């Protein structure tokens, strides 16, 4: 019985953590204006980069750079791009969902 309850507690914590991550990332994404999003899309298109701001053909562990397998956290694509190219947007979201610094390209 304790094992079952323990699993329920762990599952509840994991779900809560995932929901908080999604909510925090949406808040970060909401900080970006439509103009910021358009500027990011234009920036990567003008440079011939993929949807994540990397050269076409770039392979990612887990299939996407937006998901951190070690933490289970997902980052919004525009938040990811705004952190990667902060000079392109008016405000860089400060969400805690992706703790890595990305070099400017």
N, C-alpha and C. Protein backbone atom coordinates (compact mmCIF):
# COMPACT_ATOMS: atom_id res chain seq x y z
N UNK A 1 0.82 -1.20 0.00
CA UNK A 1 0.00 0.00 0.00
C UNK A 1 0.87 1.26 0.00
N UNK A 2 1.95 1.26 0.79
CA UNK A 2 2.83 2.44 0.84
C UNK A 2 3.47 2.69 -0.51
N UNK A 3 3.84 1.62 -1.20
CA UNK A 3 4.45 1.76 -2.51
C UNK A 3 3.49 2.44 -3.49
N UNK A 4 2.23 2.07 -3.45
CA UNK A 4 1.23 2.65 -4.32
C UNK A 4 1.05 4.13 -4.02
N UNK A 5 0.93 4.48 -2.74
CA UNK A 5 0.78 5.88 -2.35
C UNK A 5 2.02 6.70 -2.72
N UNK A 6 3.17 6.08 -2.56
CA UNK A 6 4.41 6.75 -2.92
C UNK A 6 4.45 7.07 -4.40
N UNK A 7 4.00 6.15 -5.21
CA UNK A 7 3.96 6.37 -6.66
C UNK A 7 2.99 7.49 -7.02
N UNK A 8 1.86 7.54 -6.32
CA UNK A 8 0.89 8.60 -6.57
C UNK A 8 1.49 9.97 -6.22
N UNK A 9 2.19 10.03 -5.10
CA UNK A 9 2.82 11.29 -4.69
C UNK A 9 3.86 11.72 -5.72
N UNK A 10 4.70 10.80 -6.16
CA UNK A 10 5.73 11.12 -7.15
C UNK A 10 5.08 11.59 -8.44
N UNK A 11 4.06 10.89 -8.89
CA UNK A 11 3.35 11.27 -10.12
C UNK A 11 2.73 12.66 -9.99
N UNK A 12 2.13 12.94 -8.85
CA UNK A 12 1.52 14.25 -8.61
C UNK A 12 2.57 15.35 -8.65
N UNK A 13 3.71 15.13 -8.06
CA UNK A 13 4.80 16.11 -8.07
C UNK A 13 5.30 16.35 -9.49
N UNK A 14 5.47 15.27 -10.25
CA UNK A 14 5.93 15.41 -11.63
C UNK A 14 4.94 16.18 -12.49
N UNK A 15 3.67 15.89 -12.35
CA UNK A 15 2.65 16.59 -13.11
C UNK A 15 2.60 18.06 -12.72
N UNK A 16 2.67 18.33 -11.42
CA UNK A 16 2.66 19.72 -10.95
C UNK A 16 3.85 20.49 -11.50
N UNK A 17 5.01 19.86 -11.49
CA UNK A 17 6.22 20.50 -12.01
C UNK A 17 6.08 20.80 -13.50
N UNK A 18 5.55 19.85 -14.24
CA UNK A 18 5.36 20.05 -15.67
C UNK A 18 4.39 21.19 -15.95
N UNK A 19 3.31 21.26 -15.19
CA UNK A 19 2.34 22.33 -15.38
C UNK A 19 2.93 23.69 -15.05
N UNK A 20 3.70 23.77 -13.99
CA UNK A 20 4.35 25.04 -13.63
C UNK A 20 5.33 25.47 -14.71
N UNK A 21 6.04 24.52 -15.29
CA UNK A 21 6.98 24.82 -16.36
C UNK A 21 6.25 25.39 -17.56
N UNK A 22 5.16 24.74 -17.96
CA UNK A 22 4.39 25.21 -19.11
C UNK A 22 3.84 26.61 -18.84
N UNK A 23 3.32 26.83 -17.63
CA UNK A 23 2.76 28.14 -17.28
C UNK A 23 3.85 29.21 -17.30
N UNK A 24 5.03 28.91 -16.77
CA UNK A 24 6.13 29.87 -16.75
C UNK A 24 6.59 30.19 -18.16
N UNK A 25 6.65 29.18 -19.00
CA UNK A 25 7.09 29.40 -20.37
C UNK A 25 6.07 30.20 -21.15
N UNK A 26 4.80 29.96 -20.90
CA UNK A 26 3.77 30.74 -21.57
C UNK A 26 3.84 32.20 -21.13
N UNK A 27 4.17 32.42 -19.87
CA UNK A 27 4.33 33.79 -19.38
C UNK A 27 5.50 34.46 -20.11
N UNK A 28 6.59 33.72 -20.29
CA UNK A 28 7.74 34.25 -21.02
C UNK A 28 7.39 34.53 -22.46
N UNK A 29 6.63 33.63 -23.05
CA UNK A 29 6.20 33.80 -24.43
C UNK A 29 5.27 34.99 -24.57
N UNK A 30 4.44 35.23 -23.57
CA UNK A 30 3.50 36.35 -23.61
C UNK A 30 4.23 37.69 -23.56
N UNK A 31 5.46 37.71 -23.05
CA UNK A 31 6.24 38.95 -23.01
C UNK A 31 6.68 39.39 -24.41
N UNK A 32 6.66 38.46 -25.35
CA UNK A 32 7.08 38.77 -26.71
C UNK A 32 5.90 39.31 -27.50
N UNK A 33 6.14 40.41 -28.19
CA UNK A 33 5.08 41.00 -29.01
C UNK A 33 5.01 40.28 -30.35
N UNK A 34 3.95 40.55 -31.08
CA UNK A 34 3.82 40.00 -32.43
C UNK A 34 4.99 40.48 -33.30
N UNK A 35 5.40 41.71 -33.08
CA UNK A 35 6.54 42.26 -33.84
C UNK A 35 7.83 41.51 -33.49
N UNK A 36 8.01 41.16 -32.20
CA UNK A 36 9.18 40.39 -31.79
C UNK A 36 9.19 39.03 -32.48
N UNK A 37 8.04 38.38 -32.48
CA UNK A 37 7.94 37.05 -33.11
C UNK A 37 8.25 37.14 -34.61
N UNK A 38 7.69 38.15 -35.26
CA UNK A 38 7.94 38.33 -36.69
C UNK A 38 9.42 38.62 -36.95
N UNK A 39 10.03 39.44 -36.08
CA UNK A 39 11.46 39.77 -36.22
C UNK A 39 12.33 38.52 -36.06
N UNK A 40 11.97 37.67 -35.11
CA UNK A 40 12.73 36.43 -34.92
C UNK A 40 12.59 35.52 -36.13
N UNK A 41 11.38 35.37 -36.64
CA UNK A 41 11.17 34.54 -37.82
C UNK A 41 11.95 35.08 -39.02
N UNK A 42 11.91 36.40 -39.21
CA UNK A 42 12.64 37.02 -40.32
C UNK A 42 14.14 36.85 -40.15
N UNK A 43 14.63 37.00 -38.92
CA UNK A 43 16.06 36.88 -38.63
C UNK A 43 16.58 35.49 -39.03
N UNK A 44 15.88 34.45 -38.62
CA UNK A 44 16.37 33.10 -38.93
C UNK A 44 16.17 32.78 -40.42
N UNK A 45 15.09 33.28 -41.01
CA UNK A 45 14.85 33.04 -42.44
C UNK A 45 15.91 33.75 -43.29
N UNK A 46 16.21 35.01 -42.96
CA UNK A 46 17.21 35.77 -43.72
C UNK A 46 18.59 35.14 -43.67
N UNK A 47 18.88 34.41 -42.61
CA UNK A 47 20.19 33.79 -42.45
C UNK A 47 20.21 32.33 -42.89
N UNK A 48 19.06 31.85 -43.39
CA UNK A 48 18.99 30.47 -43.88
C UNK A 48 19.10 29.43 -42.78
N UNK A 49 18.58 29.78 -41.60
CA UNK A 49 18.66 28.87 -40.45
C UNK A 49 17.37 28.08 -40.30
N UNK A 50 17.43 27.00 -39.53
CA UNK A 50 16.22 26.20 -39.29
C UNK A 50 15.33 26.90 -38.27
N UNK A 51 14.22 26.28 -37.93
CA UNK A 51 13.24 26.89 -37.03
C UNK A 51 13.78 27.16 -35.63
N UNK A 52 14.93 26.59 -35.29
CA UNK A 52 15.53 26.79 -33.97
C UNK A 52 16.74 27.73 -34.02
N UNK A 53 16.99 28.31 -35.19
CA UNK A 53 18.09 29.25 -35.32
C UNK A 53 19.45 28.61 -35.52
N UNK A 54 19.45 27.37 -35.97
CA UNK A 54 20.69 26.63 -36.23
C UNK A 54 20.78 26.31 -37.72
N UNK A 55 21.96 25.93 -38.20
CA UNK A 55 22.07 25.55 -39.61
C UNK A 55 21.14 24.37 -39.93
N UNK A 56 20.59 24.37 -41.15
CA UNK A 56 19.74 23.26 -41.57
C UNK A 56 20.54 21.97 -41.48
N UNK A 57 19.88 20.91 -41.07
CA UNK A 57 20.54 19.61 -40.92
C UNK A 57 21.05 19.36 -39.52
N UNK A 58 20.96 20.35 -38.64
CA UNK A 58 21.40 20.17 -37.25
C UNK A 58 20.54 19.11 -36.58
N UNK A 59 21.17 18.16 -35.90
CA UNK A 59 20.47 17.08 -35.19
C UNK A 59 20.45 17.42 -33.70
N UNK A 60 19.35 17.05 -33.03
CA UNK A 60 19.18 17.35 -31.61
C UNK A 60 18.89 16.08 -30.83
N UNK A 61 19.49 15.96 -29.67
CA UNK A 61 19.19 14.86 -28.77
C UNK A 61 17.73 14.97 -28.36
N UNK A 62 16.97 13.94 -28.59
CA UNK A 62 15.55 13.98 -28.28
C UNK A 62 14.71 14.60 -29.39
N UNK A 63 15.36 15.02 -30.48
CA UNK A 63 14.64 15.52 -31.63
C UNK A 63 14.39 17.02 -31.66
N UNK A 64 14.62 17.72 -30.55
CA UNK A 64 14.38 19.16 -30.50
C UNK A 64 15.24 19.79 -29.40
N UNK A 65 15.72 21.01 -29.63
CA UNK A 65 16.46 21.69 -28.57
C UNK A 65 15.53 22.32 -27.52
N UNK A 66 14.23 22.23 -27.75
CA UNK A 66 13.26 22.86 -26.85
C UNK A 66 12.94 22.00 -25.64
N UNK A 67 13.32 20.73 -25.66
CA UNK A 67 13.01 19.82 -24.56
C UNK A 67 14.29 19.41 -23.87
N UNK A 68 14.37 19.64 -22.56
CA UNK A 68 15.52 19.24 -21.76
C UNK A 68 15.18 17.89 -21.12
N UNK A 69 15.76 16.82 -21.64
CA UNK A 69 15.45 15.48 -21.14
C UNK A 69 15.87 15.28 -19.69
N UNK A 70 16.88 16.00 -19.24
CA UNK A 70 17.35 15.82 -17.86
C UNK A 70 16.38 16.41 -16.84
N UNK A 71 15.62 17.43 -17.25
CA UNK A 71 14.67 18.06 -16.32
C UNK A 71 13.22 17.81 -16.70
N UNK A 72 13.01 17.39 -17.96
CA UNK A 72 11.64 17.19 -18.44
C UNK A 72 10.95 18.50 -18.79
N UNK A 73 11.72 19.57 -18.91
CA UNK A 73 11.12 20.89 -19.17
C UNK A 73 11.15 21.22 -20.65
N UNK A 74 10.07 21.82 -21.11
CA UNK A 74 9.90 22.24 -22.50
C UNK A 74 9.97 23.77 -22.56
N UNK A 75 10.63 24.29 -23.56
CA UNK A 75 10.74 25.73 -23.75
C UNK A 75 9.98 26.15 -25.00
N UNK A 76 9.23 27.23 -24.93
CA UNK A 76 8.55 27.78 -26.09
C UNK A 76 9.58 28.17 -27.14
N UNK A 77 9.29 27.92 -28.40
CA UNK A 77 10.25 28.18 -29.47
C UNK A 77 10.64 29.66 -29.53
N UNK A 78 9.70 30.55 -29.38
CA UNK A 78 10.03 31.98 -29.45
C UNK A 78 10.84 32.43 -28.23
N UNK A 79 10.57 31.87 -27.07
CA UNK A 79 11.38 32.18 -25.88
C UNK A 79 12.81 31.70 -26.13
N UNK A 80 12.94 30.49 -26.67
CA UNK A 80 14.25 29.93 -27.00
C UNK A 80 15.00 30.84 -27.98
N UNK A 81 14.30 31.27 -29.04
CA UNK A 81 14.93 32.12 -30.04
C UNK A 81 15.28 33.50 -29.48
N UNK A 82 14.42 34.04 -28.63
CA UNK A 82 14.69 35.36 -28.03
C UNK A 82 15.93 35.31 -27.15
N UNK A 83 16.14 34.20 -26.47
CA UNK A 83 17.35 34.06 -25.64
C UNK A 83 18.58 33.87 -26.52
N UNK A 84 18.38 33.20 -27.64
CA UNK A 84 19.49 32.92 -28.54
C UNK A 84 19.90 34.17 -29.32
N UNK A 85 18.91 34.99 -29.68
CA UNK A 85 19.15 36.21 -30.46
C UNK A 85 18.55 37.41 -29.73
N UNK A 86 19.07 37.77 -28.56
CA UNK A 86 18.45 38.85 -27.77
C UNK A 86 18.48 40.21 -28.47
N UNK A 87 19.39 40.41 -29.40
CA UNK A 87 19.49 41.68 -30.11
C UNK A 87 18.35 41.90 -31.10
N UNK A 88 17.55 40.85 -31.36
CA UNK A 88 16.48 40.93 -32.35
C UNK A 88 15.16 41.39 -31.73
N UNK A 89 14.98 41.16 -30.43
CA UNK A 89 13.70 41.44 -29.77
C UNK A 89 13.80 42.62 -28.82
N UNK A 90 12.63 43.17 -28.48
CA UNK A 90 12.60 44.32 -27.57
C UNK A 90 12.79 43.91 -26.11
N UNK A 91 12.30 42.72 -25.74
CA UNK A 91 12.42 42.22 -24.37
C UNK A 91 12.76 40.74 -24.41
N UNK A 92 13.79 40.33 -23.68
CA UNK A 92 14.17 38.92 -23.61
C UNK A 92 13.46 38.29 -22.42
N UNK A 93 12.61 37.27 -22.64
CA UNK A 93 11.91 36.61 -21.53
C UNK A 93 12.90 36.01 -20.54
N UNK A 94 12.59 36.14 -19.27
CA UNK A 94 13.47 35.65 -18.21
C UNK A 94 12.92 34.42 -17.51
N UNK A 95 12.23 33.55 -18.23
CA UNK A 95 11.68 32.33 -17.67
C UNK A 95 12.81 31.40 -17.26
N UNK A 96 12.57 30.57 -16.26
CA UNK A 96 13.57 29.64 -15.77
C UNK A 96 13.53 28.29 -16.46
N UNK A 97 12.80 28.16 -17.56
CA UNK A 97 12.58 26.84 -18.14
C UNK A 97 13.79 26.28 -18.88
N UNK A 98 14.70 27.12 -19.30
CA UNK A 98 15.88 26.63 -20.01
C UNK A 98 17.09 27.33 -19.42
N UNK A 99 17.82 26.65 -18.57
CA UNK A 99 18.91 27.26 -17.84
C UNK A 99 20.19 27.44 -18.62
N UNK A 100 20.18 27.18 -19.92
CA UNK A 100 21.40 27.28 -20.69
C UNK A 100 21.48 28.62 -21.38
N UNK A 101 22.67 29.11 -21.52
CA UNK A 101 22.90 30.33 -22.27
C UNK A 101 23.19 29.92 -23.70
N UNK A 102 22.64 30.61 -24.65
CA UNK A 102 22.85 30.30 -26.05
C UNK A 102 23.66 31.42 -26.68
N UNK A 103 24.71 31.09 -27.42
CA UNK A 103 25.52 32.13 -28.05
C UNK A 103 24.73 32.85 -29.14
N UNK A 104 25.02 34.10 -29.31
CA UNK A 104 24.39 34.90 -30.35
C UNK A 104 24.95 34.48 -31.70
N UNK A 105 24.07 34.35 -32.69
CA UNK A 105 24.54 33.95 -34.04
C UNK A 105 24.39 35.11 -34.97
